[in-house]
Amino acid sequence: MDDGFFDIVELVSKYMTGELTGAERESLDNWLSLSEDNREWFHEVTEKEFIYRKRQELRSIDVKGGWKALSRKRVKENRRRLGIRALKYACVFILLVVSSMYFFMQRVDQEEIIPVESAEILPGTSRAILYMANGSIIDLANHDRDSLRELDGTIIGLDGESITYKNAVDSVVSSDLYNELVIPRGENTC
């Protein structure tokens, strides 16, 4: 449609409401004189029966129902847009998680396995050290005597499996004497 049609519709509308000026009336008459189709259309549109039918059609339109239908359509469209937006974010999130897992797994596979040198751990040896009250130290694993004598005359028997103490008949106990048996870490008793 061209702009001239809208100008004619405006002129016809002013004709029907009685607001047509002299220059506009002349312009409308010129258009009507151009063709028989123009005159037929003008008479059809301005006919009272046509106007009555159009008014009836306008009154039969359910405006409230139309607004409700339009509102429902807009709500559906908004939900659809929201769903598409949520789907986009979900896809981006899943892509980030999957790519992170992929790169993490690749990195784990590439890590070198560092060999650990194994050192043979040998069992402990039999070793015990006796610290005497007089300050002397006796390595019980390497001693060559069967007994020792304390300052007070007490005899210490060393038989390899145990240590025994015997009071001598002539011993005079003037003070208590203490010996200390130490087994170094990782060693066994003799």
Protein backbone atom coordinates (compact mmCIF):
# COMPACT_ATOMS: atom_id res chain seq x y z
CA MET A 1 0.00 0.00 0.00
CA ASP A 2 1.21 3.47 -0.71
CA ASP A 3 0.97 6.53 1.45
CA GLY A 4 -1.76 7.92 -0.82
CA PHE A 5 -4.15 5.21 0.39
CA PHE A 6 -3.71 6.32 4.00
CA ASP A 7 -4.34 9.91 2.96
CA ILE A 8 -7.63 8.84 1.28
CA VAL A 9 -8.66 6.84 4.37
CA GLU A 10 -8.05 9.93 6.49
CA LEU A 11 -10.16 12.06 4.12
CA VAL A 12 -13.01 9.49 4.19
CA SER A 13 -12.85 9.42 7.98
CA LYS A 14 -13.14 13.22 8.15
CA TYR A 15 -16.03 13.06 5.63
CA MET A 16 -17.93 10.65 7.87
CA THR A 17 -17.40 12.78 11.00
CA GLY A 18 -18.15 16.03 9.20
CA GLU A 19 -14.72 17.56 9.77
CA LEU A 20 -13.71 17.86 6.10
CA THR A 21 -12.36 21.26 4.98
CA GLY A 22 -12.96 22.73 1.52
CA ALA A 23 -9.50 21.82 0.19
CA GLU A 24 -9.82 18.30 1.59
CA ARG A 25 -13.31 17.97 0.01
CA GLU A 26 -11.85 18.95 -3.36
CA SER A 27 -8.99 16.41 -2.97
CA LEU A 28 -11.52 13.64 -2.14
CA ASP A 29 -13.69 14.53 -5.15
CA ASN A 30 -10.64 14.41 -7.44
CA TRP A 31 -9.81 10.92 -6.15
CA LEU A 32 -13.39 9.72 -6.63
CA SER A 33 -13.40 10.99 -10.24
CA LEU A 34 -10.30 8.95 -11.08
CA SER A 35 -12.05 5.56 -11.33
CA GLU A 36 -15.26 3.63 -10.82
CA ASP A 37 -13.49 1.31 -8.27
CA ASN A 38 -12.72 4.33 -6.10
CA ARG A 39 -16.40 5.39 -6.12
CA GLU A 40 -17.61 1.85 -5.33
CA TRP A 41 -15.19 1.50 -2.43
CA PHE A 42 -16.20 4.95 -1.07
CA HIS A 43 -19.93 4.10 -1.20
CA GLU A 44 -19.34 0.67 0.40
CA VAL A 45 -17.35 2.14 3.27
CA THR A 46 -19.68 5.05 3.95
CA GLU A 47 -22.87 2.99 3.72
CA LYS A 48 -24.81 2.78 7.04
CA GLU A 49 -25.13 -0.99 6.84
CA PHE A 50 -21.34 -1.39 6.57
CA ILE A 51 -20.77 0.94 9.54
CA TYR A 52 -23.36 -0.95 11.60
CA ARG A 53 -21.70 -4.33 10.86
CA LYS A 54 -18.26 -2.99 11.76
CA ARG A 55 -19.56 -1.60 15.04
CA GLN A 56 -21.16 -4.95 15.86
CA GLU A 57 -17.90 -6.73 15.09
CA LEU A 58 -16.01 -4.34 17.35
CA ARG A 59 -18.52 -4.84 20.18
CA SER A 60 -18.33 -8.61 19.89
CA ILE A 61 -14.59 -8.60 20.52
CA ASP A 62 -13.82 -9.91 24.02
CA VAL A 63 -11.26 -7.31 25.12
CA LYS A 64 -10.71 -8.84 28.59
CA GLY A 65 -10.28 -12.31 27.11
CA GLY A 66 -7.87 -10.90 24.55
CA TRP A 67 -5.79 -9.25 27.25
CA LYS A 68 -5.75 -12.48 29.26
CA ALA A 69 -4.67 -14.48 26.21
CA LEU A 70 -1.97 -11.92 25.44
CA SER A 71 -0.77 -12.03 29.07
CA ARG A 72 -0.62 -15.85 29.03
CA LYS A 73 1.30 -15.74 25.77
CA ARG A 74 3.78 -13.25 27.23
CA VAL A 75 4.23 -15.37 30.38
CA LYS A 76 4.90 -18.47 28.24
CA GLU A 77 7.38 -16.54 26.13
CA ASN A 78 9.16 -15.22 29.24
CA ARG A 79 9.37 -18.73 30.70
CA ARG A 80 10.74 -20.05 27.44
CA ARG A 81 13.37 -17.29 27.36
CA LEU A 82 14.28 -17.99 30.99
CA GLY A 83 14.58 -21.72 30.25
CA ILE A 84 16.84 -21.05 27.28
CA ARG A 85 19.00 -18.73 29.39
CA ALA A 86 19.24 -21.33 32.20
CA LEU A 87 20.12 -23.99 29.63
CA LYS A 88 22.93 -21.79 28.27
CA TYR A 89 24.40 -21.31 31.76
CA ALA A 90 24.08 -25.03 32.52
CA CYS A 91 25.90 -25.90 29.29
CA VAL A 92 28.72 -23.47 30.08
CA PHE A 93 29.01 -24.90 33.61
CA ILE A 94 29.09 -28.49 32.38
CA LEU A 95 31.67 -27.56 29.74
CA LEU A 96 33.90 -25.98 32.41
CA VAL A 97 33.60 -29.00 34.71
CA VAL A 98 34.31 -31.51 31.95
CA SER A 99 37.28 -29.55 30.58
CA SER A 100 38.70 -29.11 34.10
CA MET A 101 38.39 -32.84 34.74
CA TYR A 102 40.02 -33.61 31.37
CA PHE A 103 43.01 -31.35 32.03
CA PHE A 104 43.33 -32.64 35.60
CA MET A 105 43.34 -36.26 34.39
CA GLN A 106 45.92 -35.40 31.71
CA ARG A 107 48.13 -33.80 34.32
CA VAL A 108 47.89 -36.80 36.65
CA ASP A 109 48.85 -39.12 33.80
CA GLN A 110 51.89 -36.97 32.95
CA GLU A 111 53.29 -36.83 36.47
CA GLU A 112 56.46 -38.82 36.81
CA ILE A 113 56.50 -41.67 39.20
CA ILE A 114 59.61 -41.14 41.23
CA PRO A 115 61.21 -44.43 42.15
CA VAL A 116 61.97 -44.78 45.81
CA GLU A 117 65.26 -46.38 46.60
CA SER A 118 64.63 -49.25 48.89
CA ALA A 119 66.98 -49.62 51.75
CA GLU A 120 67.22 -52.99 53.33
CA ILE A 121 66.31 -52.75 56.96
CA LEU A 122 68.26 -55.26 58.92
CA PRO A 123 67.04 -56.71 62.18
CA GLY A 124 68.57 -55.34 65.35
CA THR A 125 71.60 -57.00 66.86
CA SER A 126 72.00 -58.16 70.41
CA ARG A 127 73.57 -55.34 72.31
CA ALA A 128 73.25 -53.92 75.81
CA ILE A 129 75.41 -51.48 77.75
CA LEU A 130 75.83 -51.51 81.51
CA TYR A 131 76.74 -48.20 83.14
CA MET A 132 78.36 -48.95 86.50
CA ALA A 133 78.06 -46.84 89.62
CA ASN A 134 81.80 -46.09 89.50
CA GLY A 135 81.41 -44.58 85.97
CA SER A 136 82.80 -47.47 83.96
CA ILE A 137 80.93 -48.60 80.84
CA ILE A 138 80.68 -52.24 79.89
CA ASP A 139 79.43 -53.36 76.47
CA LEU A 140 77.74 -56.65 77.34
CA ALA A 141 77.85 -57.91 73.74
CA ASN A 142 81.64 -57.69 73.64
CA HIS A 143 82.70 -58.49 77.19
CA ASP A 144 85.07 -61.30 77.92
CA ARG A 145 84.42 -61.80 81.64
CA ASP A 146 81.81 -63.87 83.44
CA SER A 147 81.48 -61.58 86.46
CA LEU A 148 82.28 -58.13 87.74
CA ARG A 149 82.87 -56.79 91.22
CA GLU A 150 81.25 -53.62 92.62
CA LEU A 151 83.01 -51.22 94.98
CA ASP A 152 81.11 -52.62 97.95
CA GLY A 153 82.09 -56.19 97.00
CA THR A 154 78.85 -57.22 95.33
CA ILE A 155 79.46 -59.70 92.50
CA ILE A 156 77.62 -59.13 89.19
CA GLY A 157 77.23 -62.32 87.20
CA LEU A 158 77.14 -62.00 83.40
CA ASP A 159 76.08 -65.22 81.69
CA GLY A 160 74.90 -63.75 78.32
CA GLU A 161 71.15 -64.10 78.97
CA SER A 162 70.84 -62.40 82.35
CA ILE A 163 72.57 -60.29 84.96
CA THR A 164 72.65 -61.52 88.58
CA TYR A 165 73.74 -59.72 91.74
CA LYS A 166 75.18 -61.55 94.85
CA ASN A 167 76.21 -59.88 98.06
CA ALA A 168 79.68 -60.80 99.14
CA VAL A 169 80.09 -62.03 102.72
CA ASP A 170 82.54 -59.31 103.57
CA SER A 171 80.64 -56.45 101.89
CA VAL A 172 79.93 -53.46 104.00
CA VAL A 173 77.19 -51.35 102.54
CA SER A 174 78.02 -47.75 103.22
CA SER A 175 75.73 -46.26 100.56
CA ASP A 176 73.45 -47.45 97.84
CA LEU A 177 75.05 -48.00 94.45
CA TYR A 178 73.04 -47.86 91.22
CA ASN A 179 73.86 -49.37 87.86
CA GLU A 180 72.01 -48.57 84.63
CA LEU A 181 71.30 -51.05 81.83
CA VAL A 182 70.75 -49.35 78.44
CA ILE A 183 69.64 -51.07 75.24
CA PRO A 184 70.25 -48.73 72.26
CA ARG A 185 67.41 -48.04 69.84
CA GLY A 186 66.97 -50.77 67.22
CA GLU A 187 68.96 -53.30 69.26
CA ASN A 188 67.90 -56.38 71.20
CA THR A 189 68.94 -57.50 74.64
CA CYS A 190 71.91 -59.80 74.80
